[in-house]
Amino acid sequence: MDAKCPECEKVAILDDDISNVKCPHCNFETDYDSYLEIMKDQAINMASDYIPDRPGM
């Protein structure tokens, strides 16, 4: 399976037993639970960076 690398944003590989994520491009490697936490934190940061440019918000 494929996953998005949180470091270089290229395609990383999720192993068949869904326990490890490894990027062949930048050598990022972590277990799946840590990967989910990293990606969750990135999504939260992206959402908090979005500030509508409208009066009254």
Protein backbone atom coordinates (compact mmCIF):
# COMPACT_ATOMS: atom_id res chain seq x y z
CA MET A 1 0.00 0.00 0.00
CA ASP A 2 1.03 3.59 -0.49
CA ALA A 3 1.13 6.43 2.01
CA LYS A 4 2.20 10.04 1.84
CA CYS A 5 5.59 10.71 3.37
CA PRO A 6 5.29 13.44 6.02
CA GLU A 7 8.88 14.58 5.41
CA CYS A 8 9.30 14.81 1.63
CA GLU A 9 5.60 14.45 0.66
CA LYS A 10 6.39 11.78 -1.94
CA VAL A 11 4.94 8.27 -1.96
CA ALA A 12 5.98 6.14 0.99
CA ILE A 13 5.29 2.43 1.40
CA LEU A 14 3.00 0.94 4.03
CA ASP A 15 3.93 -2.70 4.56
CA ASP A 16 1.42 -5.52 4.10
CA ASP A 17 0.76 -6.09 7.80
CA ILE A 18 0.14 -2.34 8.30
CA SER A 19 2.78 -1.92 10.97
CA ASN A 20 5.51 0.16 9.32
CA VAL A 21 5.76 3.14 6.94
CA LYS A 22 8.98 3.69 5.01
CA CYS A 23 9.89 6.26 2.38
CA PRO A 24 12.42 5.13 -0.24
CA HIS A 25 13.07 8.76 -1.24
CA CYS A 26 14.19 10.33 2.05
CA ASN A 27 14.60 7.21 4.26
CA PHE A 28 11.84 8.29 6.66
CA GLU A 29 10.66 5.28 8.67
CA THR A 30 8.25 4.86 11.57
CA ASP A 31 5.62 2.51 12.92
CA TYR A 32 2.07 2.97 11.68
CA ASP A 33 0.65 4.36 14.94
CA SER A 34 3.32 7.09 15.03
CA TYR A 35 2.67 7.81 11.36
CA LEU A 36 -1.02 8.36 12.07
CA GLU A 37 -0.18 10.78 14.90
CA ILE A 38 2.23 12.72 12.65
CA MET A 39 -0.35 12.99 9.87
CA LYS A 40 -3.10 13.95 12.35
CA ASP A 41 -0.91 16.74 13.75
CA GLN A 42 -0.21 18.00 10.22
CA ALA A 43 -3.94 18.08 9.43
CA ILE A 44 -4.68 19.99 12.65
CA ASN A 45 -1.94 22.50 11.81
CA MET A 46 -3.29 22.98 8.29
CA ALA A 47 -6.80 23.59 9.67
CA SER A 48 -5.58 26.10 12.25
CA ASP A 49 -3.56 27.96 9.61
CA TYR A 50 -6.72 28.57 7.59
CA ILE A 51 -8.13 31.93 8.54
CA PRO A 52 -10.95 33.24 6.35
CA ASP A 53 -10.31 36.75 5.07
CA ARG A 54 -13.80 38.01 5.78
CA PRO A 55 -14.98 40.68 8.18
CA GLY A 56 -16.92 39.43 11.17
CA MET A 57 -15.17 36.08 11.45
